[in-house]
Amino acid sequence: MPGIRNWKGLTFYRPSKQSEYVHIDSLFGEPGKNVIDWDLIESQFRHRMKVAVSVREGAISSSTLLKRLRSGSHKNSTCTAFREVGRVIRTVQLLRYLSDPPLRRRVTAATNKVESFTRFSQWVGFGDQGVLADNDPIEQEKAMKFNALLTNAVIFHNALDIAEIIRQLLEEGWEIDPEDLAHLSPYPTGHIKRFGECCPHEIGIQPEAYDPKLDVGFTRLREQGLTAAGLGQAA
């Protein structure tokens, strides 16, 4: 379920020239235009299936395929047929997105979570503002993987700190509601010193084994199902 940006500028396609709609006809532009070419899709079905199987079986890479399809794309019927299928899928997705509020909440929640992780990852990789200065693809991949590794390590540490604070509150007699925990984020940055701190006397200190268990009743939350709105706020 991709996050849709600037969907107002996207084109909706009609299934036929005769198709008209009472309330949403203006979304499809002028009557009789922006129509799907179903005959082309059907005539190129075997070619499209061959391409799909080739990609799935690894017989051809996606990048090579795109180069071949785009070469002379105006005359390439298979490429044009793929484009028509893409228009169908996008139109159906746009209509679902507009008519289904729970779907919009789920998409927004998932998008927020991804964007939150990306912002946090960029904050962690503050050197040169995350710019990849090396032209070597291998070195670029290393930089990205090292940044992802460090980001996940910091997130893990944040989760341990949050869990420890919750345990302290429980010991003090506080009642912890699982719905409240669902709104916590593992991306706080105020307590992190990105430039580090020189503490040579701590080098030999072994950290305590972490306890993954948290004495909070999540059963009710699982039974009810975590709401998409809550997930969005949590991100």
C-alpha atoms as a PDB file:
ATOM      1  CA  MET A   1       0.000   0.000   0.000  1.00  0.00           C
ATOM      2  CA  PRO A   2       2.129   2.922  -1.193  1.00  0.00           C
ATOM      3  CA  GLY A   3       1.775   6.373   0.255  1.00  0.00           C
ATOM      4  CA  ILE A   4       0.222   8.563  -2.446  1.00  0.00           C
ATOM      5  CA  ARG A   5       1.622  12.074  -2.768  1.00  0.00           C
ATOM      6  CA  ASN A   6      -0.095  14.787  -4.787  1.00  0.00           C
ATOM      7  CA  TRP A   7      -2.825  12.376  -5.830  1.00  0.00           C
ATOM      8  CA  LYS A   8      -4.940  15.334  -6.990  1.00  0.00           C
ATOM      9  CA  GLY A   9      -2.647  15.650  -9.986  1.00  0.00           C
ATOM     10  CA  LEU A  10      -2.852  11.981 -10.933  1.00  0.00           C
ATOM     11  CA  THR A  11      -5.046  10.790 -13.800  1.00  0.00           C
ATOM     12  CA  PHE A  12      -7.983   8.443 -13.267  1.00  0.00           C
ATOM     13  CA  TYR A  13      -8.739   6.148 -16.233  1.00  0.00           C
ATOM     14  CA  ARG A  14     -12.168   5.003 -17.388  1.00  0.00           C
ATOM     15  CA  PRO A  15     -12.853   1.350 -18.237  1.00  0.00           C
ATOM     16  CA  SER A  16     -14.658   2.450 -21.419  1.00  0.00           C
ATOM     17  CA  LYS A  17     -15.648   5.587 -23.304  1.00  0.00           C
ATOM     18  CA  GLN A  18     -19.258   5.086 -22.254  1.00  0.00           C
ATOM     19  CA  SER A  19     -18.459   4.931 -18.540  1.00  0.00           C
ATOM     20  CA  GLU A  20     -19.867   7.862 -16.580  1.00  0.00           C
ATOM     21  CA  TYR A  21     -20.278   8.334 -12.841  1.00  0.00           C
ATOM     22  CA  VAL A  22     -22.767  10.367 -10.865  1.00  0.00           C
ATOM     23  CA  HIS A  23     -20.549  11.830  -8.146  1.00  0.00           C
ATOM     24  CA  ILE A  24     -16.934  11.285  -9.217  1.00  0.00           C
ATOM     25  CA  ASP A  25     -17.022  11.726 -12.993  1.00  0.00           C
ATOM     26  CA  SER A  26     -14.898  14.887 -12.788  1.00  0.00           C
ATOM     27  CA  LEU A  27     -11.989  12.818 -11.444  1.00  0.00           C
ATOM     28  CA  PHE A  28     -11.673  11.083 -14.834  1.00  0.00           C
ATOM     29  CA  GLY A  29     -11.364  14.246 -16.911  1.00  0.00           C
ATOM     30  CA  GLU A  30     -13.354  14.923 -20.053  1.00  0.00           C
ATOM     31  CA  PRO A  31     -16.012  12.337 -20.994  1.00  0.00           C
ATOM     32  CA  GLY A  32     -14.725   9.749 -23.454  1.00  0.00           C
ATOM     33  CA  LYS A  33     -11.046  10.408 -22.651  1.00  0.00           C
ATOM     34  CA  ASN A  34      -8.484   8.668 -20.431  1.00  0.00           C
ATOM     35  CA  VAL A  35      -9.794   5.217 -21.393  1.00  0.00           C
ATOM     36  CA  ILE A  36      -7.992   1.920 -20.777  1.00  0.00           C
ATOM     37  CA  ASP A  37      -7.005  -0.016 -23.913  1.00  0.00           C
ATOM     38  CA  TRP A  38      -8.177  -3.487 -22.873  1.00  0.00           C
ATOM     39  CA  ASP A  39      -7.608  -4.936 -26.364  1.00  0.00           C
ATOM     40  CA  LEU A  40      -3.912  -4.066 -26.138  1.00  0.00           C
ATOM     41  CA  ILE A  41      -3.630  -5.631 -22.691  1.00  0.00           C
ATOM     42  CA  GLU A  42      -5.261  -8.828 -23.933  1.00  0.00           C
ATOM     43  CA  SER A  43      -3.202  -9.031 -27.125  1.00  0.00           C
ATOM     44  CA  GLN A  44       0.063  -8.673 -25.188  1.00  0.00           C
ATOM     45  CA  PHE A  45      -0.886 -11.060 -22.391  1.00  0.00           C
ATOM     46  CA  ARG A  46       1.531 -13.844 -23.411  1.00  0.00           C
ATOM     47  CA  HIS A  47       4.428 -11.406 -23.834  1.00  0.00           C
ATOM     48  CA  ARG A  48       3.767  -9.832 -20.452  1.00  0.00           C
ATOM     49  CA  MET A  49       3.652 -13.245 -18.791  1.00  0.00           C
ATOM     50  CA  LYS A  50       6.981 -14.176 -20.397  1.00  0.00           C
ATOM     51  CA  VAL A  51       8.524 -10.995 -19.044  1.00  0.00           C
ATOM     52  CA  ALA A  52       7.089 -11.590 -15.564  1.00  0.00           C
ATOM     53  CA  VAL A  53       8.342 -15.184 -15.464  1.00  0.00           C
ATOM     54  CA  SER A  54      11.787 -14.116 -16.704  1.00  0.00           C
ATOM     55  CA  VAL A  55      12.100 -11.570 -13.920  1.00  0.00           C
ATOM     56  CA  ARG A  56      10.805 -13.971 -11.275  1.00  0.00           C
ATOM     57  CA  GLU A  57      13.190 -16.740 -12.360  1.00  0.00           C
ATOM     58  CA  GLY A  58      16.133 -14.348 -12.536  1.00  0.00           C
ATOM     59  CA  ALA A  59      16.665 -14.856 -16.258  1.00  0.00           C
ATOM     60  CA  ILE A  60      16.805 -11.073 -16.743  1.00  0.00           C
ATOM     61  CA  SER A  61      17.330  -8.231 -14.305  1.00  0.00           C
ATOM     62  CA  SER A  62      14.695  -5.553 -13.816  1.00  0.00           C
ATOM     63  CA  SER A  63      17.114  -2.793 -14.868  1.00  0.00           C
ATOM     64  CA  THR A  64      17.993  -4.581 -18.133  1.00  0.00           C
ATOM     65  CA  LEU A  65      14.332  -5.239 -18.815  1.00  0.00           C
ATOM     66  CA  LEU A  66      13.410  -1.588 -18.319  1.00  0.00           C
ATOM     67  CA  LYS A  67      16.159  -0.496 -20.692  1.00  0.00           C
ATOM     68  CA  ARG A  68      14.905  -2.869 -23.380  1.00  0.00           C
ATOM     69  CA  LEU A  69      11.280  -1.904 -22.921  1.00  0.00           C
ATOM     70  CA  ARG A  70      12.019   1.814 -22.927  1.00  0.00           C
ATOM     71  CA  SER A  71      14.055   1.653 -26.116  1.00  0.00           C
ATOM     72  CA  GLY A  72      11.634   2.843 -28.754  1.00  0.00           C
ATOM     73  CA  SER A  73       8.857   2.656 -26.187  1.00  0.00           C
ATOM     74  CA  HIS A  74       6.365   4.436 -28.433  1.00  0.00           C
ATOM     75  CA  LYS A  75       6.519   1.470 -30.805  1.00  0.00           C
ATOM     76  CA  ASN A  76       6.942  -1.195 -28.163  1.00  0.00           C
ATOM     77  CA  SER A  77       3.517  -2.802 -27.698  1.00  0.00           C
ATOM     78  CA  THR A  78       4.596  -4.817 -24.653  1.00  0.00           C
ATOM     79  CA  CYS A  79       5.841  -1.699 -22.889  1.00  0.00           C
ATOM     80  CA  THR A  80       2.617   0.128 -23.758  1.00  0.00           C
ATOM     81  CA  ALA A  81       0.557  -2.812 -22.471  1.00  0.00           C
ATOM     82  CA  PHE A  82       2.443  -2.763 -19.174  1.00  0.00           C
ATOM     83  CA  ARG A  83       1.696   0.942 -18.930  1.00  0.00           C
ATOM     84  CA  GLU A  84      -2.007   0.281 -19.459  1.00  0.00           C
ATOM     85  CA  VAL A  85      -1.996  -2.366 -16.709  1.00  0.00           C
ATOM     86  CA  GLY A  86      -0.245   0.119 -14.431  1.00  0.00           C
ATOM     87  CA  ARG A  87      -2.966   2.674 -15.125  1.00  0.00           C
ATOM     88  CA  VAL A  88      -5.630   0.143 -14.165  1.00  0.00           C
ATOM     89  CA  ILE A  89      -3.883  -0.746 -10.903  1.00  0.00           C
ATOM     90  CA  ARG A  90      -3.253   2.883  -9.988  1.00  0.00           C
ATOM     91  CA  THR A  91      -6.839   3.937 -10.734  1.00  0.00           C
ATOM     92  CA  VAL A  92      -8.243   1.100  -8.590  1.00  0.00           C
ATOM     93  CA  GLN A  93      -5.832   1.995  -5.788  1.00  0.00           C
ATOM     94  CA  LEU A  94      -6.754   5.682  -5.934  1.00  0.00           C
ATOM     95  CA  LEU A  95     -10.468   4.873  -5.803  1.00  0.00           C
ATOM     96  CA  ARG A  96      -9.950   2.557  -2.834  1.00  0.00           C
ATOM     97  CA  TYR A  97      -7.839   5.200  -1.118  1.00  0.00           C
ATOM     98  CA  LEU A  98     -10.549   7.844  -1.523  1.00  0.00           C
ATOM     99  CA  SER A  99     -13.476   5.654  -0.497  1.00  0.00           C
ATOM    100  CA  ASP A 100     -11.954   3.701   2.411  1.00  0.00           C
ATOM    101  CA  PRO A 101     -11.065   5.813   5.514  1.00  0.00           C
ATOM    102  CA  PRO A 102      -9.579   2.825   7.446  1.00  0.00           C
ATOM    103  CA  LEU A 103      -7.312   2.126   4.463  1.00  0.00           C
ATOM    104  CA  ARG A 104      -6.140   5.748   4.466  1.00  0.00           C
ATOM    105  CA  ARG A 105      -5.359   5.502   8.173  1.00  0.00           C
ATOM    106  CA  ARG A 106      -3.389   2.277   7.655  1.00  0.00           C
ATOM    107  CA  VAL A 107      -1.418   3.745   4.751  1.00  0.00           C
ATOM    108  CA  THR A 108      -0.734   6.949   6.676  1.00  0.00           C
ATOM    109  CA  ALA A 109       0.371   5.010   9.748  1.00  0.00           C
ATOM    110  CA  ALA A 110       2.759   2.831   7.752  1.00  0.00           C
ATOM    111  CA  THR A 111       4.096   5.839   5.843  1.00  0.00           C
ATOM    112  CA  ASN A 112       4.671   7.755   9.079  1.00  0.00           C
ATOM    113  CA  LYS A 113       6.614   4.853  10.536  1.00  0.00           C
ATOM    114  CA  VAL A 114       8.863   4.591   7.487  1.00  0.00           C
ATOM    115  CA  GLU A 115       9.424   8.347   7.352  1.00  0.00           C
ATOM    116  CA  SER A 116      10.174   8.462  11.082  1.00  0.00           C
ATOM    117  CA  PHE A 117      12.807   5.753  10.683  1.00  0.00           C
ATOM    118  CA  THR A 118      14.302   7.586   7.688  1.00  0.00           C
ATOM    119  CA  ARG A 119      14.516  10.889   9.587  1.00  0.00           C
ATOM    120  CA  PHE A 120      16.098   9.134  12.564  1.00  0.00           C
ATOM    121  CA  SER A 121      18.563   7.334  10.305  1.00  0.00           C
ATOM    122  CA  GLN A 122      19.539  10.627   8.691  1.00  0.00           C
ATOM    123  CA  TRP A 123      19.950  12.203  12.111  1.00  0.00           C
ATOM    124  CA  VAL A 124      22.275   9.385  13.180  1.00  0.00           C
ATOM    125  CA  GLY A 125      24.305   9.639   9.957  1.00  0.00           C
ATOM    126  CA  PHE A 126      24.991  13.337  10.462  1.00  0.00           C
ATOM    127  CA  GLY A 127      28.465  13.319   8.818  1.00  0.00           C
ATOM    128  CA  ASP A 128      28.388  15.336   5.572  1.00  0.00           C
ATOM    129  CA  GLN A 129      24.583  15.353   5.957  1.00  0.00           C
ATOM    130  CA  GLY A 130      24.489  11.757   4.769  1.00  0.00           C
ATOM    131  CA  VAL A 131      25.991  12.564   1.369  1.00  0.00           C
ATOM    132  CA  LEU A 132      27.649   9.574  -0.337  1.00  0.00           C
ATOM    133  CA  ALA A 133      30.946  11.086  -1.451  1.00  0.00           C
ATOM    134  CA  ASP A 134      32.408   7.890  -2.922  1.00  0.00           C
ATOM    135  CA  ASN A 135      31.622   6.855  -6.497  1.00  0.00           C
ATOM    136  CA  ASP A 136      32.379   3.202  -5.796  1.00  0.00           C
ATOM    137  CA  PRO A 137      29.041   1.319  -5.506  1.00  0.00           C
ATOM    138  CA  ILE A 138      30.594  -1.113  -3.013  1.00  0.00           C
ATOM    139  CA  GLU A 139      31.730   1.719  -0.734  1.00  0.00           C
ATOM    140  CA  GLN A 140      28.327   3.394  -1.077  1.00  0.00           C
ATOM    141  CA  GLU A 141      26.619   0.163  -0.062  1.00  0.00           C
ATOM    142  CA  LYS A 142      28.946  -0.130   2.933  1.00  0.00           C
ATOM    143  CA  ALA A 143      28.109   3.402   4.082  1.00  0.00           C
ATOM    144  CA  MET A 144      24.369   2.730   3.812  1.00  0.00           C
ATOM    145  CA  LYS A 145      24.581  -0.620   5.616  1.00  0.00           C
ATOM    146  CA  PHE A 146      26.805   0.769   8.377  1.00  0.00           C
ATOM    147  CA  ASN A 147      24.370   3.633   8.896  1.00  0.00           C
ATOM    148  CA  ALA A 148      21.440   1.182   9.044  1.00  0.00           C
ATOM    149  CA  LEU A 149      23.358  -0.985  11.544  1.00  0.00           C
ATOM    150  CA  LEU A 150      24.151   1.980  13.783  1.00  0.00           C
ATOM    151  CA  THR A 151      20.576   3.262  13.515  1.00  0.00           C
ATOM    152  CA  ASN A 152      19.123  -0.084  14.594  1.00  0.00           C
ATOM    153  CA  ALA A 153      21.634  -0.321  17.460  1.00  0.00           C
ATOM    154  CA  VAL A 154      20.537   3.085  18.778  1.00  0.00           C
ATOM    155  CA  ILE A 155      16.860   2.164  18.370  1.00  0.00           C
ATOM    156  CA  PHE A 156      17.506  -1.051  20.319  1.00  0.00           C
ATOM    157  CA  HIS A 157      19.213   0.913  23.085  1.00  0.00           C
ATOM    158  CA  ASN A 158      16.299   3.366  23.206  1.00  0.00           C
ATOM    159  CA  ALA A 159      13.855   0.467  23.512  1.00  0.00           C
ATOM    160  CA  LEU A 160      15.864  -0.961  26.432  1.00  0.00           C
ATOM    161  CA  ASP A 161      15.894   2.416  28.185  1.00  0.00           C
ATOM    162  CA  ILE A 162      12.140   2.835  27.699  1.00  0.00           C
ATOM    163  CA  ALA A 163      11.493  -0.685  29.018  1.00  0.00           C
ATOM    164  CA  GLU A 164      13.658  -0.015  32.091  1.00  0.00           C
ATOM    165  CA  ILE A 165      11.753   3.184  32.862  1.00  0.00           C
ATOM    166  CA  ILE A 166       8.452   1.317  32.539  1.00  0.00           C
ATOM    167  CA  ARG A 167       9.694  -1.347  34.964  1.00  0.00           C
ATOM    168  CA  GLN A 168      10.634   1.362  37.459  1.00  0.00           C
ATOM    169  CA  LEU A 169       7.167   2.910  37.177  1.00  0.00           C
ATOM    170  CA  LEU A 170       5.551  -0.483  37.714  1.00  0.00           C
ATOM    171  CA  GLU A 171       7.676  -1.052  40.828  1.00  0.00           C
ATOM    172  CA  GLU A 172       6.568   2.336  42.150  1.00  0.00           C
ATOM    173  CA  GLY A 173       2.939   1.267  41.773  1.00  0.00           C
ATOM    174  CA  TRP A 174       2.030   3.080  38.594  1.00  0.00           C
ATOM    175  CA  GLU A 175      -0.578   1.455  36.386  1.00  0.00           C
ATOM    176  CA  ILE A 176       0.702   1.145  32.809  1.00  0.00           C
ATOM    177  CA  ASP A 177      -1.960   1.029  30.138  1.00  0.00           C
ATOM    178  CA  PRO A 178      -0.890  -0.930  27.004  1.00  0.00           C
ATOM    179  CA  GLU A 179      -2.755   1.590  24.828  1.00  0.00           C
ATOM    180  CA  ASP A 180      -0.433   4.294  26.179  1.00  0.00           C
ATOM    181  CA  LEU A 181       2.631   2.209  25.348  1.00  0.00           C
ATOM    182  CA  ALA A 182       1.392   1.926  21.776  1.00  0.00           C
ATOM    183  CA  HIS A 183       2.000   5.668  21.411  1.00  0.00           C
ATOM    184  CA  LEU A 184       5.652   5.518  22.451  1.00  0.00           C
ATOM    185  CA  SER A 185       8.297   6.026  19.806  1.00  0.00           C
ATOM    186  CA  PRO A 186      11.775   4.437  19.730  1.00  0.00           C
ATOM    187  CA  TYR A 187      13.213   7.542  18.051  1.00  0.00           C
ATOM    188  CA  PRO A 188      13.996  10.055  20.854  1.00  0.00           C
ATOM    189  CA  THR A 189      17.230  11.966  20.268  1.00  0.00           C
ATOM    190  CA  GLY A 190      17.521  14.483  23.091  1.00  0.00           C
ATOM    191  CA  HIS A 191      19.547  12.137  25.313  1.00  0.00           C
ATOM    192  CA  ILE A 192      21.992  11.011  22.598  1.00  0.00           C
ATOM    193  CA  LYS A 193      25.435  12.572  22.208  1.00  0.00           C
ATOM    194  CA  ARG A 194      26.271  12.050  18.570  1.00  0.00           C
ATOM    195  CA  PHE A 195      29.856  13.267  19.023  1.00  0.00           C
ATOM    196  CA  GLY A 196      30.399  10.741  21.820  1.00  0.00           C
ATOM    197  CA  GLU A 197      32.126  11.117  25.153  1.00  0.00           C
ATOM    198  CA  CYS A 198      35.618  10.030  26.132  1.00  0.00           C
ATOM    199  CA  CYS A 199      35.221   7.603  29.041  1.00  0.00           C
ATOM    200  CA  PRO A 200      38.215   5.206  28.875  1.00  0.00           C
ATOM    201  CA  HIS A 201      37.437   3.807  32.333  1.00  0.00           C
ATOM    202  CA  GLU A 202      34.153   2.380  30.967  1.00  0.00           C
ATOM    203  CA  ILE A 203      35.707   0.442  28.117  1.00  0.00           C
ATOM    204  CA  GLY A 204      36.038  -2.755  30.141  1.00  0.00           C
ATOM    205  CA  ILE A 205      32.573  -2.586  31.702  1.00  0.00           C
ATOM    206  CA  GLN A 206      30.320  -5.410  30.525  1.00  0.00           C
ATOM    207  CA  PRO A 207      26.650  -4.455  30.033  1.00  0.00           C
ATOM    208  CA  GLU A 208      24.029  -6.394  31.922  1.00  0.00           C
ATOM    209  CA  ALA A 209      21.954  -8.932  30.020  1.00  0.00           C
ATOM    210  CA  TYR A 210      18.788  -7.263  28.826  1.00  0.00           C
ATOM    211  CA  ASP A 211      15.377  -8.543  29.838  1.00  0.00           C
ATOM    212  CA  PRO A 212      12.967  -8.656  26.871  1.00  0.00           C
ATOM    213  CA  LYS A 213       9.908  -9.252  29.056  1.00  0.00           C
ATOM    214  CA  LEU A 214       7.670  -6.439  30.213  1.00  0.00           C
ATOM    215  CA  ASP A 215       5.026  -7.083  32.848  1.00  0.00           C
ATOM    216  CA  VAL A 216       2.227  -5.335  30.981  1.00  0.00           C
ATOM    217  CA  GLY A 217      -0.956  -7.058  29.813  1.00  0.00           C
ATOM    218  CA  PHE A 218      -0.889  -6.726  26.041  1.00  0.00           C
ATOM    219  CA  THR A 219      -3.462  -9.498  25.554  1.00  0.00           C
ATOM    220  CA  ARG A 220      -6.419  -7.143  25.523  1.00  0.00           C
ATOM    221  CA  LEU A 221      -4.702  -4.870  23.041  1.00  0.00           C
ATOM    222  CA  ARG A 222      -4.008  -7.783  20.701  1.00  0.00           C
ATOM    223  CA  GLU A 223      -7.611  -8.977  20.947  1.00  0.00           C
ATOM    224  CA  GLN A 224      -8.987  -5.544  20.141  1.00  0.00           C
ATOM    225  CA  GLY A 225      -6.468  -4.961  17.388  1.00  0.00           C
ATOM    226  CA  LEU A 226      -4.220  -1.931  17.499  1.00  0.00           C
ATOM    227  CA  THR A 227      -5.980   0.895  15.653  1.00  0.00           C
ATOM    228  CA  ALA A 228      -4.314   2.386  12.637  1.00  0.00           C
ATOM    229  CA  ALA A 229      -4.845   5.847  14.119  1.00  0.00           C
ATOM    230  CA  GLY A 230      -2.874   4.838  17.173  1.00  0.00           C
ATOM    231  CA  LEU A 231      -0.074   3.487  15.028  1.00  0.00           C
ATOM    232  CA  GLY A 232       0.079   6.734  13.123  1.00  0.00           C
ATOM    233  CA  GLN A 233       0.357   8.758  16.315  1.00  0.00           C
ATOM    234  CA  ALA A 234       2.946   6.353  17.659  1.00  0.00           C
ATOM    235  CA  ALA A 235       5.154   6.971  14.645  1.00  0.00           C
END
